[in-house]
Amino acid sequence: MGATTNGDSPKDTAEIKEHLRAASDAAASAARARAAQAQEWARDRASRAQGWARDQWGDMQQRIETQPYKAAALALGIGLLAGVLLTTLATRRPSQD
């Protein structure tokens, strides 16, 4: 019977290593490209959110200036409600089961 090989010659091993390196480089390149896309998307969304927040802040300031008594009453009500909720949470005792 003749000797058979399973393809483990040095030439085959080098070729496999080269294919693995190429696949690794391609995967790394694709990952970098996808990360750059995600970063650009996140920057765009953050910029839009910042613009929206600025617009809302300006609108709120204008409403406060045109209706100061209503704004003060609303702020007082929100503060009172927050105080009651925080006091209730602070004084609640854990149940003893």
PDB file of N, CA and C in Angstrom:
ATOM      1  N   MET A   1       0.834  -1.186   0.000  1.00  0.00           N
ATOM      2  CA  MET A   1       0.000   0.000   0.000  1.00  0.00           C
ATOM      3  C   MET A   1       0.872   1.241   0.000  1.00  0.00           C
ATOM      4  N   GLY A   2       0.409   2.194  -0.718  1.00  0.00           N
ATOM      5  CA  GLY A   2       1.168   3.425  -0.798  1.00  0.00           C
ATOM      6  C   GLY A   2       0.820   4.354   0.352  1.00  0.00           C
ATOM      7  N   ALA A   3       1.751   5.200   0.672  1.00  0.00           N
ATOM      8  CA  ALA A   3       1.514   6.164   1.745  1.00  0.00           C
ATOM      9  C   ALA A   3       0.614   7.284   1.227  1.00  0.00           C
ATOM     10  N   THR A   4      -0.370   7.675   2.027  1.00  0.00           N
ATOM     11  CA  THR A   4      -1.258   8.775   1.652  1.00  0.00           C
ATOM     12  C   THR A   4      -1.010   9.948   2.578  1.00  0.00           C
ATOM     13  N   THR A   5      -1.224  11.103   2.044  1.00  0.00           N
ATOM     14  CA  THR A   5      -1.058  12.310   2.876  1.00  0.00           C
ATOM     15  C   THR A   5      -2.409  12.982   3.035  1.00  0.00           C
ATOM     16  N   ASN A   6      -2.514  13.705   4.090  1.00  0.00           N
ATOM     17  CA  ASN A   6      -3.769  14.417   4.327  1.00  0.00           C
ATOM     18  C   ASN A   6      -3.648  15.904   4.024  1.00  0.00           C
ATOM     19  N   GLY A   7      -2.669  16.281   3.230  1.00  0.00           N
ATOM     20  CA  GLY A   7      -2.516  17.671   2.827  1.00  0.00           C
ATOM     21  C   GLY A   7      -1.764  18.508   3.832  1.00  0.00           C
ATOM     22  N   ASP A   8      -0.907  17.910   4.641  1.00  0.00           N
ATOM     23  CA  ASP A   8      -0.174  18.646   5.667  1.00  0.00           C
ATOM     24  C   ASP A   8       1.224  19.035   5.214  1.00  0.00           C
ATOM     25  N   SER A   9       1.417  19.243   3.954  1.00  0.00           N
ATOM     26  CA  SER A   9       2.735  19.648   3.486  1.00  0.00           C
ATOM     27  C   SER A   9       2.961  21.106   3.886  1.00  0.00           C
ATOM     28  N   PRO A  10       4.215  21.524   3.984  1.00  0.00           N
ATOM     29  CA  PRO A  10       4.503  22.916   4.351  1.00  0.00           C
ATOM     30  C   PRO A  10       3.866  23.920   3.391  1.00  0.00           C
ATOM     31  N   LYS A  11       3.779  23.546   2.113  1.00  0.00           N
ATOM     32  CA  LYS A  11       3.159  24.442   1.135  1.00  0.00           C
ATOM     33  C   LYS A  11       1.673  24.626   1.446  1.00  0.00           C
ATOM     34  N   ASP A  12       0.977  23.511   1.781  1.00  0.00           N
ATOM     35  CA  ASP A  12      -0.439  23.586   2.115  1.00  0.00           C
ATOM     36  C   ASP A  12      -0.664  24.403   3.383  1.00  0.00           C
ATOM     37  N   THR A  13       0.192  24.203   4.370  1.00  0.00           N
ATOM     38  CA  THR A  13       0.067  24.930   5.635  1.00  0.00           C
ATOM     39  C   THR A  13       0.248  26.433   5.410  1.00  0.00           C
ATOM     40  N   ALA A  14       1.225  26.791   4.608  1.00  0.00           N
ATOM     41  CA  ALA A  14       1.464  28.210   4.317  1.00  0.00           C
ATOM     42  C   ALA A  14       0.281  28.811   3.571  1.00  0.00           C
ATOM     43  N   GLU A  15      -0.275  28.046   2.655  1.00  0.00           N
ATOM     44  CA  GLU A  15      -1.425  28.525   1.891  1.00  0.00           C
ATOM     45  C   GLU A  15      -2.639  28.736   2.795  1.00  0.00           C
ATOM     46  N   ILE A  16      -2.859  27.817   3.708  1.00  0.00           N
ATOM     47  CA  ILE A  16      -3.980  27.938   4.658  1.00  0.00           C
ATOM     48  C   ILE A  16      -3.784  29.156   5.547  1.00  0.00           C
ATOM     49  N   LYS A  17      -2.557  29.355   6.037  1.00  0.00           N
ATOM     50  CA  LYS A  17      -2.278  30.518   6.879  1.00  0.00           C
ATOM     51  C   LYS A  17      -2.547  31.815   6.114  1.00  0.00           C
ATOM     52  N   GLU A  18      -2.153  31.850   4.847  1.00  0.00           N
ATOM     53  CA  GLU A  18      -2.376  33.044   4.036  1.00  0.00           C
ATOM     54  C   GLU A  18      -3.863  33.299   3.839  1.00  0.00           C
ATOM     55  N   HIS A  19      -4.642  32.248   3.604  1.00  0.00           N
ATOM     56  CA  HIS A  19      -6.091  32.407   3.459  1.00  0.00           C
ATOM     57  C   HIS A  19      -6.711  32.910   4.761  1.00  0.00           C
ATOM     58  N   LEU A  20      -6.250  32.367   5.880  1.00  0.00           N
ATOM     59  CA  LEU A  20      -6.772  32.815   7.175  1.00  0.00           C
ATOM     60  C   LEU A  20      -6.413  34.277   7.431  1.00  0.00           C
ATOM     61  N   ARG A  21      -5.187  34.671   7.086  1.00  0.00           N
ATOM     62  CA  ARG A  21      -4.783  36.072   7.253  1.00  0.00           C
ATOM     63  C   ARG A  21      -5.656  36.993   6.399  1.00  0.00           C
ATOM     64  N   ALA A  22      -5.884  36.584   5.166  1.00  0.00           N
ATOM     65  CA  ALA A  22      -6.703  37.399   4.267  1.00  0.00           C
ATOM     66  C   ALA A  22      -8.131  37.511   4.797  1.00  0.00           C
ATOM     67  N   ALA A  23      -8.683  36.413   5.290  1.00  0.00           N
ATOM     68  CA  ALA A  23     -10.036  36.447   5.850  1.00  0.00           C
ATOM     69  C   ALA A  23     -10.080  37.330   7.088  1.00  0.00           C
ATOM     70  N   SER A  24      -9.056  37.246   7.899  1.00  0.00           N
ATOM     71  CA  SER A  24      -8.989  38.071   9.106  1.00  0.00           C
ATOM     72  C   SER A  24      -8.912  39.548   8.747  1.00  0.00           C
ATOM     73  N   ASP A  25      -8.091  39.880   7.766  1.00  0.00           N
ATOM     74  CA  ASP A  25      -7.972  41.275   7.333  1.00  0.00           C
ATOM     75  C   ASP A  25      -9.289  41.790   6.763  1.00  0.00           C
ATOM     76  N   ALA A  26      -9.970  40.955   5.988  1.00  0.00           N
ATOM     77  CA  ALA A  26     -11.257  41.366   5.408  1.00  0.00           C
ATOM     78  C   ALA A  26     -12.295  41.592   6.504  1.00  0.00           C
ATOM     79  N   ALA A  27     -12.317  40.699   7.500  1.00  0.00           N
ATOM     80  CA  ALA A  27     -13.273  40.855   8.597  1.00  0.00           C
ATOM     81  C   ALA A  27     -12.974  42.112   9.410  1.00  0.00           C
ATOM     82  N   ALA A  28     -11.699  42.382   9.667  1.00  0.00           N
ATOM     83  CA  ALA A  28     -11.322  43.579  10.424  1.00  0.00           C
ATOM     84  C   ALA A  28     -11.693  44.838   9.654  1.00  0.00           C
ATOM     85  N   SER A  29     -11.472  44.816   8.353  1.00  0.00           N
ATOM     86  CA  SER A  29     -11.817  45.971   7.520  1.00  0.00           C
ATOM     87  C   SER A  29     -13.323  46.220   7.525  1.00  0.00           C
ATOM     88  N   ALA A  30     -14.091  45.143   7.408  1.00  0.00           N
ATOM     89  CA  ALA A  30     -15.553  45.285   7.439  1.00  0.00           C
ATOM     90  C   ALA A  30     -16.023  45.805   8.797  1.00  0.00           C
ATOM     91  N   ALA A  31     -15.399  45.328   9.864  1.00  0.00           N
ATOM     92  CA  ALA A  31     -15.778  45.788  11.203  1.00  0.00           C
ATOM     93  C   ALA A  31     -15.450  47.270  11.380  1.00  0.00           C
ATOM     94  N   ARG A  32     -14.289  47.693  10.879  1.00  0.00           N
ATOM     95  CA  ARG A  32     -13.934  49.116  10.970  1.00  0.00           C
ATOM     96  C   ARG A  32     -14.902  49.984  10.176  1.00  0.00           C
ATOM     97  N   ALA A  33     -15.274  49.524   9.002  1.00  0.00           N
ATOM     98  CA  ALA A  33     -16.220  50.289   8.176  1.00  0.00           C
ATOM     99  C   ALA A  33     -17.571  50.402   8.871  1.00  0.00           C
ATOM    100  N   ARG A  34     -18.027  49.311   9.453  1.00  0.00           N
ATOM    101  CA  ARG A  34     -19.320  49.320  10.159  1.00  0.00           C
ATOM    102  C   ARG A  34     -19.254  50.218  11.392  1.00  0.00           C
ATOM    103  N   ALA A  35     -18.125  50.196  12.101  1.00  0.00           N
ATOM    104  CA  ALA A  35     -17.964  51.064  13.272  1.00  0.00           C
ATOM    105  C   ALA A  35     -17.971  52.531  12.855  1.00  0.00           C
ATOM    106  N   ALA A  36     -17.346  52.842  11.721  1.00  0.00           N
ATOM    107  CA  ALA A  36     -17.347  54.225  11.232  1.00  0.00           C
ATOM    108  C   ALA A  36     -18.765  54.661  10.872  1.00  0.00           C
ATOM    109  N   GLN A  37     -19.541  53.765  10.266  1.00  0.00           N
ATOM    110  CA  GLN A  37     -20.940  54.080   9.948  1.00  0.00           C
ATOM    111  C   GLN A  37     -21.734  54.342  11.224  1.00  0.00           C
ATOM    112  N   ALA A  38     -21.541  53.485  12.223  1.00  0.00           N
ATOM    113  CA  ALA A  38     -22.270  53.641  13.480  1.00  0.00           C
ATOM    114  C   ALA A  38     -21.890  54.955  14.167  1.00  0.00           C
ATOM    115  N   GLN A  39     -20.617  55.298  14.110  1.00  0.00           N
ATOM    116  CA  GLN A  39     -20.165  56.546  14.724  1.00  0.00           C
ATOM    117  C   GLN A  39     -20.790  57.751  14.023  1.00  0.00           C
ATOM    118  N   GLU A  40     -20.828  57.728  12.712  1.00  0.00           N
ATOM    119  CA  GLU A  40     -21.436  58.821  11.955  1.00  0.00           C
ATOM    120  C   GLU A  40     -22.927  58.938  12.261  1.00  0.00           C
ATOM    121  N   TRP A  41     -23.608  57.804  12.339  1.00  0.00           N
ATOM    122  CA  TRP A  41     -25.030  57.798  12.661  1.00  0.00           C
ATOM    123  C   TRP A  41     -25.256  58.387  14.054  1.00  0.00           C
ATOM    124  N   ALA A  42     -24.429  57.987  15.013  1.00  0.00           N
ATOM    125  CA  ALA A  42     -24.585  58.478  16.382  1.00  0.00           C
ATOM    126  C   ALA A  42     -24.331  59.987  16.451  1.00  0.00           C
ATOM    127  N   ARG A  43     -23.333  60.452  15.728  1.00  0.00           N
ATOM    128  CA  ARG A  43     -23.061  61.896  15.716  1.00  0.00           C
ATOM    129  C   ARG A  43     -24.231  62.669  15.118  1.00  0.00           C
ATOM    130  N   ASP A  44     -24.787  62.142  14.040  1.00  0.00           N
ATOM    131  CA  ASP A  44     -25.929  62.801  13.409  1.00  0.00           C
ATOM    132  C   ASP A  44     -27.115  62.857  14.359  1.00  0.00           C
ATOM    133  N   ARG A  45     -27.410  61.737  15.017  1.00  0.00           N
ATOM    134  CA  ARG A  45     -28.535  61.694  15.960  1.00  0.00           C
ATOM    135  C   ARG A  45     -28.299  62.640  17.139  1.00  0.00           C
ATOM    136  N   ALA A  46     -27.081  62.693  17.640  1.00  0.00           N
ATOM    137  CA  ALA A  46     -26.767  63.583  18.761  1.00  0.00           C
ATOM    138  C   ALA A  46     -26.921  65.044  18.343  1.00  0.00           C
ATOM    139  N   SER A  47     -26.485  65.357  17.130  1.00  0.00           N
ATOM    140  CA  SER A  47     -26.617  66.723  16.639  1.00  0.00           C
ATOM    141  C   SER A  47     -28.085  67.121  16.502  1.00  0.00           C
ATOM    142  N   ARG A  48     -28.882  66.207  15.981  1.00  0.00           N
ATOM    143  CA  ARG A  48     -30.320  66.485  15.855  1.00  0.00           C
ATOM    144  C   ARG A  48     -30.975  66.654  17.223  1.00  0.00           C
ATOM    145  N   ALA A  49     -30.619  65.800  18.164  1.00  0.00           N
ATOM    146  CA  ALA A  49     -31.197  65.888  19.511  1.00  0.00           C
ATOM    147  C   ALA A  49     -30.801  67.205  20.178  1.00  0.00           C
ATOM    148  N   GLN A  50     -29.570  67.612  19.965  1.00  0.00           N
ATOM    149  CA  GLN A  50     -29.111  68.872  20.551  1.00  0.00           C
ATOM    150  C   GLN A  50     -29.886  70.050  19.951  1.00  0.00           C
ATOM    151  N   GLY A  51     -30.105  70.032  18.661  1.00  0.00           N
ATOM    152  CA  GLY A  51     -30.886  71.095  18.012  1.00  0.00           C
ATOM    153  C   GLY A  51     -32.315  71.123  18.520  1.00  0.00           C
ATOM    154  N   TRP A  52     -32.912  69.947  18.673  1.00  0.00           N
ATOM    155  CA  TRP A  52     -34.278  69.864  19.188  1.00  0.00           C
ATOM    156  C   TRP A  52     -34.347  70.418  20.608  1.00  0.00           C
ATOM    157  N   ALA A  53     -33.369  70.064  21.439  1.00  0.00           N
ATOM    158  CA  ALA A  53     -33.359  70.545  22.827  1.00  0.00           C
ATOM    159  C   ALA A  53     -33.218  72.066  22.877  1.00  0.00           C
ATOM    160  N   ARG A  54     -32.366  72.610  22.019  1.00  0.00           N
ATOM    161  CA  ARG A  54     -32.216  74.078  21.971  1.00  0.00           C
ATOM    162  C   ARG A  54     -33.527  74.752  21.576  1.00  0.00           C
ATOM    163  N   ASP A  55     -34.203  74.175  20.591  1.00  0.00           N
ATOM    164  CA  ASP A  55     -35.490  74.738  20.172  1.00  0.00           C
ATOM    165  C   ASP A  55     -36.510  74.684  21.302  1.00  0.00           C
ATOM    166  N   GLN A  56     -36.575  73.567  21.995  1.00  0.00           N
ATOM    167  CA  GLN A  56     -37.519  73.421  23.098  1.00  0.00           C
ATOM    168  C   GLN A  56     -37.196  74.398  24.226  1.00  0.00           C
ATOM    169  N   TRP A  57     -35.912  74.571  24.516  1.00  0.00           N
ATOM    170  CA  TRP A  57     -35.497  75.499  25.571  1.00  0.00           C
ATOM    171  C   TRP A  57     -35.918  76.921  25.212  1.00  0.00           C
ATOM    172  N   GLY A  58     -35.717  77.299  23.958  1.00  0.00           N
ATOM    173  CA  GLY A  58     -36.117  78.639  23.513  1.00  0.00           C
ATOM    174  C   GLY A  58     -37.621  78.833  23.604  1.00  0.00           C
ATOM    175  N   ASP A  59     -38.377  77.817  23.192  1.00  0.00           N
ATOM    176  CA  ASP A  59     -39.840  77.897  23.286  1.00  0.00           C
ATOM    177  C   ASP A  59     -40.287  78.022  24.737  1.00  0.00           C
ATOM    178  N   MET A  60     -39.654  77.261  25.622  1.00  0.00           N
ATOM    179  CA  MET A  60     -40.028  77.311  27.032  1.00  0.00           C
ATOM    180  C   MET A  60     -39.733  78.696  27.619  1.00  0.00           C
ATOM    181  N   GLN A  61     -38.579  79.251  27.282  1.00  0.00           N
ATOM    182  CA  GLN A  61     -38.248  80.581  27.784  1.00  0.00           C
ATOM    183  C   GLN A  61     -39.254  81.617  27.302  1.00  0.00           C
ATOM    184  N   GLN A  62     -39.663  81.516  26.062  1.00  0.00           N
ATOM    185  CA  GLN A  62     -40.636  82.466  25.524  1.00  0.00           C
ATOM    186  C   GLN A  62     -41.988  82.323  26.234  1.00  0.00           C
ATOM    187  N   ARG A  63     -42.423  81.083  26.488  1.00  0.00           N
ATOM    188  CA  ARG A  63     -43.696  80.883  27.195  1.00  0.00           C
ATOM    189  C   ARG A  63     -43.632  81.405  28.616  1.00  0.00           C
ATOM    190  N   ILE A  64     -42.493  81.240  29.286  1.00  0.00           N
ATOM    191  CA  ILE A  64     -42.343  81.746  30.654  1.00  0.00           C
ATOM    192  C   ILE A  64     -42.401  83.268  30.655  1.00  0.00           C
ATOM    193  N   GLU A  65     -41.759  83.876  29.668  1.00  0.00           N
ATOM    194  CA  GLU A  65     -41.763  85.341  29.602  1.00  0.00           C
ATOM    195  C   GLU A  65     -43.148  85.900  29.293  1.00  0.00           C
ATOM    196  N   THR A  66     -43.935  85.186  28.497  1.00  0.00           N
ATOM    197  CA  THR A  66     -45.268  85.695  28.152  1.00  0.00           C
ATOM    198  C   THR A  66     -46.302  85.373  29.224  1.00  0.00           C
ATOM    199  N   GLN A  67     -46.090  84.294  29.997  1.00  0.00           N
ATOM    200  CA  GLN A  67     -47.038  83.890  31.046  1.00  0.00           C
ATOM    201  C   GLN A  67     -46.287  83.568  32.343  1.00  0.00           C
ATOM    202  N   PRO A  68     -45.721  84.591  33.007  1.00  0.00           N
ATOM    203  CA  PRO A  68     -44.891  84.320  34.180  1.00  0.00           C
ATOM    204  C   PRO A  68     -45.668  83.748  35.375  1.00  0.00           C
ATOM    205  N   TYR A  69     -46.908  84.191  35.589  1.00  0.00           N
ATOM    206  CA  TYR A  69     -47.665  83.695  36.742  1.00  0.00           C
ATOM    207  C   TYR A  69     -48.056  82.232  36.562  1.00  0.00           C
ATOM    208  N   LYS A  70     -48.445  81.882  35.373  1.00  0.00           N
ATOM    209  CA  LYS A  70     -48.793  80.491  35.087  1.00  0.00           C
ATOM    210  C   LYS A  70     -47.551  79.595  35.248  1.00  0.00           C
ATOM    211  N   ALA A  71     -46.398  80.079  34.770  1.00  0.00           N
ATOM    212  CA  ALA A  71     -45.158  79.309  34.889  1.00  0.00           C
ATOM    213  C   ALA A  71     -44.764  79.140  36.356  1.00  0.00           C
ATOM    214  N   ALA A  72     -44.930  80.186  37.157  1.00  0.00           N
ATOM    215  CA  ALA A  72     -44.587  80.098  38.583  1.00  0.00           C
ATOM    216  C   ALA A  72     -45.520  79.131  39.300  1.00  0.00           C
ATOM    217  N   ALA A  73     -46.805  79.164  38.982  1.00  0.00           N
ATOM    218  CA  ALA A  73     -47.758  78.245  39.611  1.00  0.00           C
ATOM    219  C   ALA A  73     -47.451  76.792  39.223  1.00  0.00           C
ATOM    220  N   LEU A  74     -47.110  76.580  37.993  1.00  0.00           N
ATOM    221  CA  LEU A  74     -46.765  75.234  37.540  1.00  0.00           C
ATOM    222  C   LEU A  74     -45.503  74.737  38.248  1.00  0.00           C
ATOM    223  N   ALA A  75     -44.492  75.589  38.349  1.00  0.00           N
ATOM    224  CA  ALA A  75     -43.253  75.208  39.038  1.00  0.00           C
ATOM    225  C   ALA A  75     -43.525  74.904  40.512  1.00  0.00           C
ATOM    226  N   LEU A  76     -44.373  75.695  41.151  1.00  0.00           N
ATOM    227  CA  LEU A  76     -44.724  75.449  42.546  1.00  0.00           C
ATOM    228  C   LEU A  76     -45.429  74.106  42.693  1.00  0.00           C
ATOM    229  N   GLY A  77     -46.354  73.803  41.807  1.00  0.00           N
ATOM    230  CA  GLY A  77     -47.066  72.521  41.862  1.00  0.00           C
ATOM    231  C   GLY A  77     -46.137  71.334  41.656  1.00  0.00           C
ATOM    232  N   ILE A  78     -45.231  71.446  40.704  1.00  0.00           N
ATOM    233  CA  ILE A  78     -44.280  70.355  40.456  1.00  0.00           C
ATOM    234  C   ILE A  78     -43.365  70.172  41.660  1.00  0.00           C
ATOM    235  N   GLY A  79     -42.908  71.269  42.249  1.00  0.00           N
ATOM    236  CA  GLY A  79     -42.051  71.183  43.437  1.00  0.00           C
ATOM    237  C   GLY A  79     -42.771  70.565  44.614  1.00  0.00           C
ATOM    238  N   LEU A  80     -44.021  70.938  44.806  1.00  0.00           N
ATOM    239  CA  LEU A  80     -44.811  70.374  45.901  1.00  0.00           C
ATOM    240  C   LEU A  80     -45.015  68.870  45.710  1.00  0.00           C
ATOM    241  N   LEU A  81     -45.364  68.474  44.508  1.00  0.00           N
ATOM    242  CA  LEU A  81     -45.554  67.058  44.213  1.00  0.00           C
ATOM    243  C   LEU A  81     -44.262  66.271  44.409  1.00  0.00           C
ATOM    244  N   ALA A  82     -43.146  66.802  43.931  1.00  0.00           N
ATOM    245  CA  ALA A  82     -41.858  66.125  44.107  1.00  0.00           C
ATOM    246  C   ALA A  82     -41.505  66.014  45.588  1.00  0.00           C
ATOM    247  N   GLY A  83     -41.785  67.053  46.359  1.00  0.00           N
ATOM    248  CA  GLY A  83     -41.510  67.004  47.797  1.00  0.00           C
ATOM    249  C   GLY A  83     -42.328  65.952  48.513  1.00  0.00           C
ATOM    250  N   VAL A  84     -43.600  65.862  48.172  1.00  0.00           N
ATOM    251  CA  VAL A  84     -44.471  64.851  48.793  1.00  0.00           C
ATOM    252  C   VAL A  84     -43.982  63.445  48.434  1.00  0.00           C
ATOM    253  N   LEU A  85     -43.658  63.223  47.167  1.00  0.00           N
ATOM    254  CA  LEU A  85     -43.179  61.901  46.753  1.00  0.00           C
ATOM    255  C   LEU A  85     -41.868  61.533  47.430  1.00  0.00           C
ATOM    256  N   LEU A  86     -40.934  62.461  47.483  1.00  0.00           N
ATOM    257  CA  LEU A  86     -39.651  62.170  48.119  1.00  0.00           C
ATOM    258  C   LEU A  86     -39.808  61.944  49.620  1.00  0.00           C
ATOM    259  N   THR A  87     -40.652  62.712  50.261  1.00  0.00           N
ATOM    260  CA  THR A  87     -40.890  62.517  51.693  1.00  0.00           C
ATOM    261  C   THR A  87     -41.516  61.155  51.957  1.00  0.00           C
ATOM    262  N   THR A  88     -42.471  60.769  51.123  1.00  0.00           N
ATOM    263  CA  THR A  88     -43.114  59.463  51.266  1.00  0.00           C
ATOM    264  C   THR A  88     -42.099  58.340  51.090  1.00  0.00           C
ATOM    265  N   LEU A  89     -41.239  58.464  50.094  1.00  0.00           N
ATOM    266  CA  LEU A  89     -40.225  57.434  49.863  1.00  0.00           C
ATOM    267  C   LEU A  89     -39.188  57.391  50.982  1.00  0.00           C
ATOM    268  N   ALA A  90     -38.847  58.550  51.521  1.00  0.00           N
ATOM    269  CA  ALA A  90     -37.826  58.606  52.571  1.00  0.00           C
ATOM    270  C   ALA A  90     -38.334  58.066  53.898  1.00  0.00           C
ATOM    271  N   THR A  91     -39.620  58.228  54.181  1.00  0.00           N
ATOM    272  CA  THR A  91     -40.149  57.792  55.473  1.00  0.00           C
ATOM    273  C   THR A  91     -40.717  56.377  55.434  1.00  0.00           C
ATOM    274  N   ARG A  92     -40.831  55.787  54.285  1.00  0.00           N
ATOM    275  CA  ARG A  92     -41.353  54.421  54.176  1.00  0.00           C
ATOM    276  C   ARG A  92     -40.347  53.454  54.793  1.00  0.00           C
ATOM    277  N   ARG A  93     -40.842  52.585  55.638  1.00  0.00           N
ATOM    278  CA  ARG A  93     -39.998  51.603  56.289  1.00  0.00           C
ATOM    279  C   ARG A  93     -40.141  50.265  55.565  1.00  0.00           C
ATOM    280  N   PRO A  94     -39.049  49.536  55.460  1.00  0.00           N
ATOM    281  CA  PRO A  94     -39.160  48.214  54.807  1.00  0.00           C
ATOM    282  C   PRO A  94     -40.012  47.266  55.634  1.00  0.00           C
ATOM    283  N   SER A  95     -40.772  46.433  54.937  1.00  0.00           N
ATOM    284  CA  SER A  95     -41.635  45.464  55.663  1.00  0.00           C
ATOM    285  C   SER A  95     -40.758  44.397  56.289  1.00  0.00           C
ATOM    286  N   GLN A  96     -41.220  43.908  57.420  1.00  0.00           N
ATOM    287  CA  GLN A  96     -40.441  42.896  58.141  1.00  0.00           C
ATOM    288  C   GLN A  96     -41.149  41.563  58.056  1.00  0.00           C
ATOM    289  N   ASP A  97     -40.813  40.827  57.014  1.00  0.00           N
ATOM    290  CA  ASP A  97     -41.423  39.504  56.806  1.00  0.00           C
ATOM    291  C   ASP A  97     -40.545  38.412  57.340  1.00  0.00           C
TER     292      ASP A  97
END
